[in-house]
N, C-alpha and C. Protein backbone atom coordinates (compact mmCIF):
# COMPACT_ATOMS: atom_id res chain seq x y z
N MET A 1 157.96 -243.54 56.83
CA MET A 1 158.44 -243.25 55.46
C MET A 1 159.70 -243.20 55.39
N ALA A 2 160.35 -244.23 54.53
CA ALA A 2 161.84 -244.13 54.38
C ALA A 2 162.36 -242.85 53.51
N ILE A 3 163.55 -242.24 53.87
CA ILE A 3 164.13 -241.27 52.99
C ILE A 3 165.35 -241.34 52.72
N PRO A 4 165.51 -241.79 51.37
CA PRO A 4 167.11 -242.29 50.83
C PRO A 4 167.75 -241.12 51.13
N LEU A 5 169.27 -241.59 51.61
CA LEU A 5 170.48 -240.76 51.88
C LEU A 5 171.29 -240.89 50.68
N GLY A 6 170.82 -240.18 49.55
CA GLY A 6 171.75 -240.24 48.49
C GLY A 6 171.19 -240.75 47.65
N MET A 7 171.65 -240.64 46.07
CA MET A 7 171.03 -240.92 44.92
C MET A 7 171.13 -242.55 44.49
N ALA A 8 169.96 -243.12 43.97
CA ALA A 8 170.28 -244.80 43.89
C ALA A 8 171.17 -244.98 42.52
N LYS A 9 171.98 -246.03 42.84
CA LYS A 9 173.17 -246.45 41.89
C LYS A 9 172.47 -247.02 40.62
N MET A 10 172.61 -246.36 39.45
CA MET A 10 171.86 -246.81 38.43
C MET A 10 172.88 -248.10 37.91
N THR A 11 172.05 -249.17 37.07
CA THR A 11 172.79 -250.49 36.85
C THR A 11 172.24 -250.68 35.57
N VAL A 12 172.92 -250.96 34.58
CA VAL A 12 172.27 -251.25 33.29
C VAL A 12 172.84 -253.02 33.19
N ARG A 13 171.81 -253.83 32.96
CA ARG A 13 172.18 -255.27 32.95
C ARG A 13 172.32 -255.62 31.36
N SER A 14 173.31 -256.44 31.28
CA SER A 14 173.76 -256.67 29.46
C SER A 14 174.18 -258.19 29.80
N THR A 15 174.03 -258.68 28.54
CA THR A 15 174.43 -259.79 28.23
C THR A 15 175.83 -259.93 27.14
N TYR A 16 176.60 -260.45 27.20
CA TYR A 16 177.83 -260.70 26.22
C TYR A 16 178.32 -262.12 26.23
N ALA A 17 178.58 -262.45 24.81
CA ALA A 17 179.17 -263.79 24.82
C ALA A 17 180.83 -263.57 24.82
N LEU A 18 181.49 -264.50 25.88
CA LEU A 18 182.76 -264.16 25.68
C LEU A 18 183.42 -265.65 25.67
N ASP A 19 184.53 -265.74 25.16
CA ASP A 19 185.34 -266.96 25.02
C ASP A 19 185.94 -267.13 26.07
N PRO A 20 185.85 -268.68 26.38
CA PRO A 20 186.42 -269.09 27.72
C PRO A 20 187.99 -268.63 28.27
N GLU A 21 188.46 -268.08 27.18
CA GLU A 21 189.87 -267.48 27.58
C GLU A 21 189.86 -266.27 28.54
N THR A 22 188.74 -265.49 27.70
CA THR A 22 188.47 -264.17 28.61
C THR A 22 187.84 -264.02 29.78
N VAL A 23 186.64 -265.20 29.76
CA VAL A 23 186.41 -265.20 30.97
C VAL A 23 187.20 -265.91 32.18
N ALA A 24 187.94 -266.61 31.90
CA ALA A 24 189.44 -267.10 32.80
C ALA A 24 190.00 -265.91 33.11
N ALA A 25 190.56 -265.02 32.16
CA ALA A 25 191.14 -263.81 32.76
C ALA A 25 190.40 -262.91 33.31
N LEU A 26 189.19 -262.67 33.15
CA LEU A 26 188.31 -261.81 33.75
C LEU A 26 188.20 -262.58 35.26
N ASP A 27 187.80 -263.78 35.62
CA ASP A 27 187.83 -264.40 37.11
C ASP A 27 189.14 -264.20 37.44
N ARG A 28 190.25 -264.18 36.75
CA ARG A 28 191.57 -264.34 37.80
C ARG A 28 191.99 -262.74 38.20
N LEU A 29 191.50 -261.77 37.34
CA LEU A 29 191.96 -260.37 37.79
C LEU A 29 190.81 -260.13 38.85
N ALA A 30 189.72 -260.43 38.80
CA ALA A 30 188.33 -259.93 39.83
C ALA A 30 189.15 -260.71 41.33
N ARG A 31 189.55 -262.15 41.11
CA ARG A 31 190.29 -262.62 42.39
C ARG A 31 191.42 -261.55 42.65
N ARG A 32 191.94 -261.68 42.12
CA ARG A 32 193.45 -260.83 42.55
C ARG A 32 193.05 -259.40 42.71
N TRP A 33 192.02 -258.79 42.36
CA TRP A 33 191.54 -257.35 42.84
C TRP A 33 190.69 -257.36 43.89
N ARG A 34 190.14 -258.48 44.25
CA ARG A 34 189.27 -258.75 45.24
C ARG A 34 187.91 -258.06 44.98
N VAL A 35 187.18 -258.08 43.86
CA VAL A 35 186.30 -257.35 43.24
C VAL A 35 185.55 -258.23 42.63
N SER A 36 184.35 -257.96 42.40
CA SER A 36 183.31 -259.05 41.37
C SER A 36 183.63 -258.81 39.97
N LYS A 37 183.32 -259.84 39.38
CA LYS A 37 183.42 -259.50 37.93
C LYS A 37 182.91 -258.61 36.93
N SER A 38 181.89 -258.03 37.44
CA SER A 38 181.20 -256.85 36.99
C SER A 38 182.29 -255.65 37.20
N GLU A 39 182.46 -255.61 38.53
CA GLU A 39 183.65 -254.34 39.05
C GLU A 39 184.87 -254.67 38.30
N ALA A 40 185.47 -255.79 38.02
CA ALA A 40 186.59 -256.12 36.99
C ALA A 40 186.65 -255.38 35.86
N LEU A 41 185.04 -255.86 35.22
CA LEU A 41 184.88 -255.41 34.00
C LEU A 41 184.97 -253.92 33.86
N ARG A 42 184.35 -253.38 34.62
CA ARG A 42 184.35 -251.75 34.88
C ARG A 42 185.52 -251.19 34.65
N ARG A 43 186.53 -251.66 35.30
CA ARG A 43 187.95 -251.09 35.66
C ARG A 43 188.57 -251.42 34.33
N ILE A 44 188.50 -252.67 33.69
CA ILE A 44 188.94 -252.82 32.46
C ILE A 44 188.57 -251.93 31.31
N VAL A 45 187.27 -251.55 31.25
CA VAL A 45 186.84 -250.67 30.24
C VAL A 45 187.18 -249.38 30.81
N SER A 46 187.26 -249.13 31.70
CA SER A 46 187.81 -247.29 32.29
C SER A 46 188.96 -247.24 31.68
N ALA A 47 189.91 -248.34 32.16
CA ALA A 47 191.54 -248.03 31.75
C ALA A 47 191.52 -248.36 30.43
N ALA A 48 190.85 -249.37 29.47
CA ALA A 48 191.10 -249.31 28.01
C ALA A 48 190.66 -247.81 27.45
N SER A 49 189.36 -246.95 27.99
CA SER A 49 188.98 -245.77 27.23
C SER A 49 189.98 -244.72 27.60
N ALA A 50 190.67 -244.70 28.81
CA ALA A 50 191.95 -243.94 29.18
C ALA A 50 192.78 -243.87 28.06
N VAL A 51 193.16 -245.16 27.64
CA VAL A 51 194.55 -245.70 26.90
C VAL A 51 193.71 -244.91 25.20
N GLU A 52 192.63 -245.09 24.95
CA GLU A 52 192.37 -244.69 23.70
C GLU A 52 192.51 -242.98 23.74
N SER A 53 191.66 -242.61 24.88
CA SER A 53 191.95 -240.89 24.98
C SER A 53 193.32 -240.53 24.38
N VAL A 54 194.37 -241.18 25.03
CA VAL A 54 195.76 -240.54 25.02
C VAL A 54 196.09 -241.01 23.43
N ASP A 55 195.85 -242.23 23.15
CA ASP A 55 196.35 -242.52 21.84
C ASP A 55 195.29 -241.35 20.75
N ALA A 56 194.20 -241.09 21.06
CA ALA A 56 193.75 -240.12 20.22
C ALA A 56 194.09 -238.68 20.02
N THR A 57 194.60 -238.54 21.26
CA THR A 57 195.46 -237.01 21.47
C THR A 57 196.65 -237.12 20.79
N ALA A 58 197.57 -238.21 20.89
CA ALA A 58 198.64 -238.53 20.04
C ALA A 58 198.62 -238.48 18.80
N ASP A 59 197.60 -239.18 18.06
CA ASP A 59 197.15 -239.01 16.86
C ASP A 59 196.99 -237.70 16.22
N ALA A 60 196.25 -236.90 16.97
CA ALA A 60 195.90 -235.59 16.54
C ALA A 60 197.08 -234.68 16.59
N LEU A 61 198.07 -234.69 17.74
CA LEU A 61 199.33 -234.10 17.66
C LEU A 61 200.32 -234.38 16.60
N THR A 62 200.40 -235.98 16.04
CA THR A 62 200.92 -236.38 14.83
C THR A 62 200.76 -235.58 13.41
N ALA A 63 199.11 -235.54 13.44
CA ALA A 63 198.78 -234.94 12.25
C ALA A 63 198.84 -233.54 12.49
N LEU A 64 198.86 -232.87 13.46
CA LEU A 64 199.11 -231.14 13.42
C LEU A 64 200.53 -231.00 12.62
N GLY A 65 201.63 -231.96 13.45
CA GLY A 65 202.98 -231.90 13.26
C GLY A 65 203.24 -231.86 11.49
N GLU A 66 202.56 -233.19 11.31
CA GLU A 66 202.69 -233.43 9.65
C GLU A 66 202.02 -232.18 8.85
N LEU A 67 201.17 -231.69 9.58
CA LEU A 67 200.46 -230.53 8.59
C LEU A 67 201.50 -229.34 8.74
N GLN A 68 201.90 -228.99 9.73
CA GLN A 68 202.71 -228.06 9.90
C GLN A 68 203.92 -228.15 8.85
N GLU A 69 204.49 -229.18 8.79
CA GLU A 69 205.71 -229.71 7.97
C GLU A 69 205.31 -229.46 6.57
N LEU A 70 204.20 -229.79 6.33
CA LEU A 70 203.59 -229.95 4.70
C LEU A 70 203.29 -228.34 4.49
N LEU A 71 203.18 -227.77 5.37
CA LEU A 71 203.05 -226.17 5.02
C LEU A 71 204.17 -225.43 5.28
N GLY A 72 205.11 -226.04 5.68
CA GLY A 72 206.50 -225.23 5.86
C GLY A 72 206.33 -224.22 7.05
N LEU A 73 205.54 -224.76 7.90
CA LEU A 73 205.48 -223.67 9.30
C LEU A 73 206.57 -224.43 10.41
N ASP A 74 207.63 -223.47 10.05
CA ASP A 74 208.48 -223.68 11.14
C ASP A 74 208.23 -222.46 12.29
N GLU A 75 209.19 -222.68 13.17
CA GLU A 75 208.85 -221.45 14.51
C GLU A 75 209.02 -220.20 14.32
N ARG A 76 209.98 -219.72 13.24
CA ARG A 76 210.08 -218.51 12.77
C ARG A 76 209.03 -217.92 11.98
N ARG A 77 208.57 -218.76 10.89
CA ARG A 77 207.33 -218.35 10.20
C ARG A 77 205.80 -218.20 11.28
N ALA A 78 205.96 -219.11 12.24
CA ALA A 78 204.81 -219.05 13.00
C ALA A 78 204.78 -217.90 13.96
N GLU A 79 205.83 -217.44 14.36
CA GLU A 79 205.98 -216.01 15.17
C GLU A 79 205.75 -215.13 14.31
N ALA A 80 206.00 -214.92 12.93
CA ALA A 80 205.97 -213.90 12.32
C ALA A 80 204.49 -213.57 11.92
N TRP A 81 203.53 -214.83 11.77
CA TRP A 81 202.32 -214.81 11.58
C TRP A 81 201.49 -214.33 12.90
N ILE A 82 201.91 -214.67 14.39
CA ILE A 82 201.32 -214.21 15.53
C ILE A 82 201.70 -212.72 15.48
N ARG A 83 202.76 -212.35 15.22
CA ARG A 83 203.17 -210.97 15.10
C ARG A 83 201.76 -210.42 14.28
N GLU A 84 201.97 -210.57 12.88
CA GLU A 84 200.91 -210.10 11.97
C GLU A 84 199.56 -210.06 12.48
N ILE A 85 199.04 -211.30 13.03
CA ILE A 85 197.72 -210.96 13.59
C ILE A 85 197.82 -210.13 14.81
N ARG A 86 198.37 -210.10 15.62
CA ARG A 86 198.61 -209.11 16.73
C ARG A 86 198.42 -207.75 16.23
N ALA A 87 199.44 -207.19 15.51
CA ALA A 87 199.24 -205.96 14.60
C ALA A 87 197.97 -205.77 14.05
N GLY A 88 197.47 -206.44 13.31
CA GLY A 88 196.11 -206.22 12.71
C GLY A 88 194.90 -206.31 13.89
N ARG A 89 195.11 -206.93 14.81
CA ARG A 89 194.04 -206.78 15.98
C ARG A 89 194.15 -205.18 16.89
N GLU A 90 195.55 -204.65 16.84
CA GLU A 90 195.55 -203.84 17.40
C GLU A 90 195.49 -202.63 16.63
N ALA A 91 195.21 -202.79 15.13
CA ALA A 91 195.08 -201.76 14.12
C ALA A 91 193.25 -201.65 13.94
N GLY A 92 192.73 -202.44 14.77
CA GLY A 92 191.34 -202.71 14.34
C GLY A 92 190.74 -203.56 13.21
N ARG A 93 191.89 -204.35 12.69
CA ARG A 93 191.52 -205.02 11.31
C ARG A 93 190.95 -206.31 11.93
N PRO A 94 190.06 -207.05 11.27
CA PRO A 94 189.65 -208.24 11.16
C PRO A 94 190.68 -209.80 11.07
């Protein structure tokens, strides 16, 4: 009886329709990176996902900045608010 030395790699097979230019670009990248087209595609999707995550963070920070500006929340007012909250906590107020 054989005992596997690790977990089996899960694979999901999918079919996608790609235009000829995209297929050619995928072929070129796979050859350049010396990997299969599937591995090249995995790397591309992973990189695009990481970029999307950074963009989402930047968008959130931009929105926060706009909100703070709209509310007139500058550093001086923010520090005053923090002092007020701390004082309330120390006094046992919610």
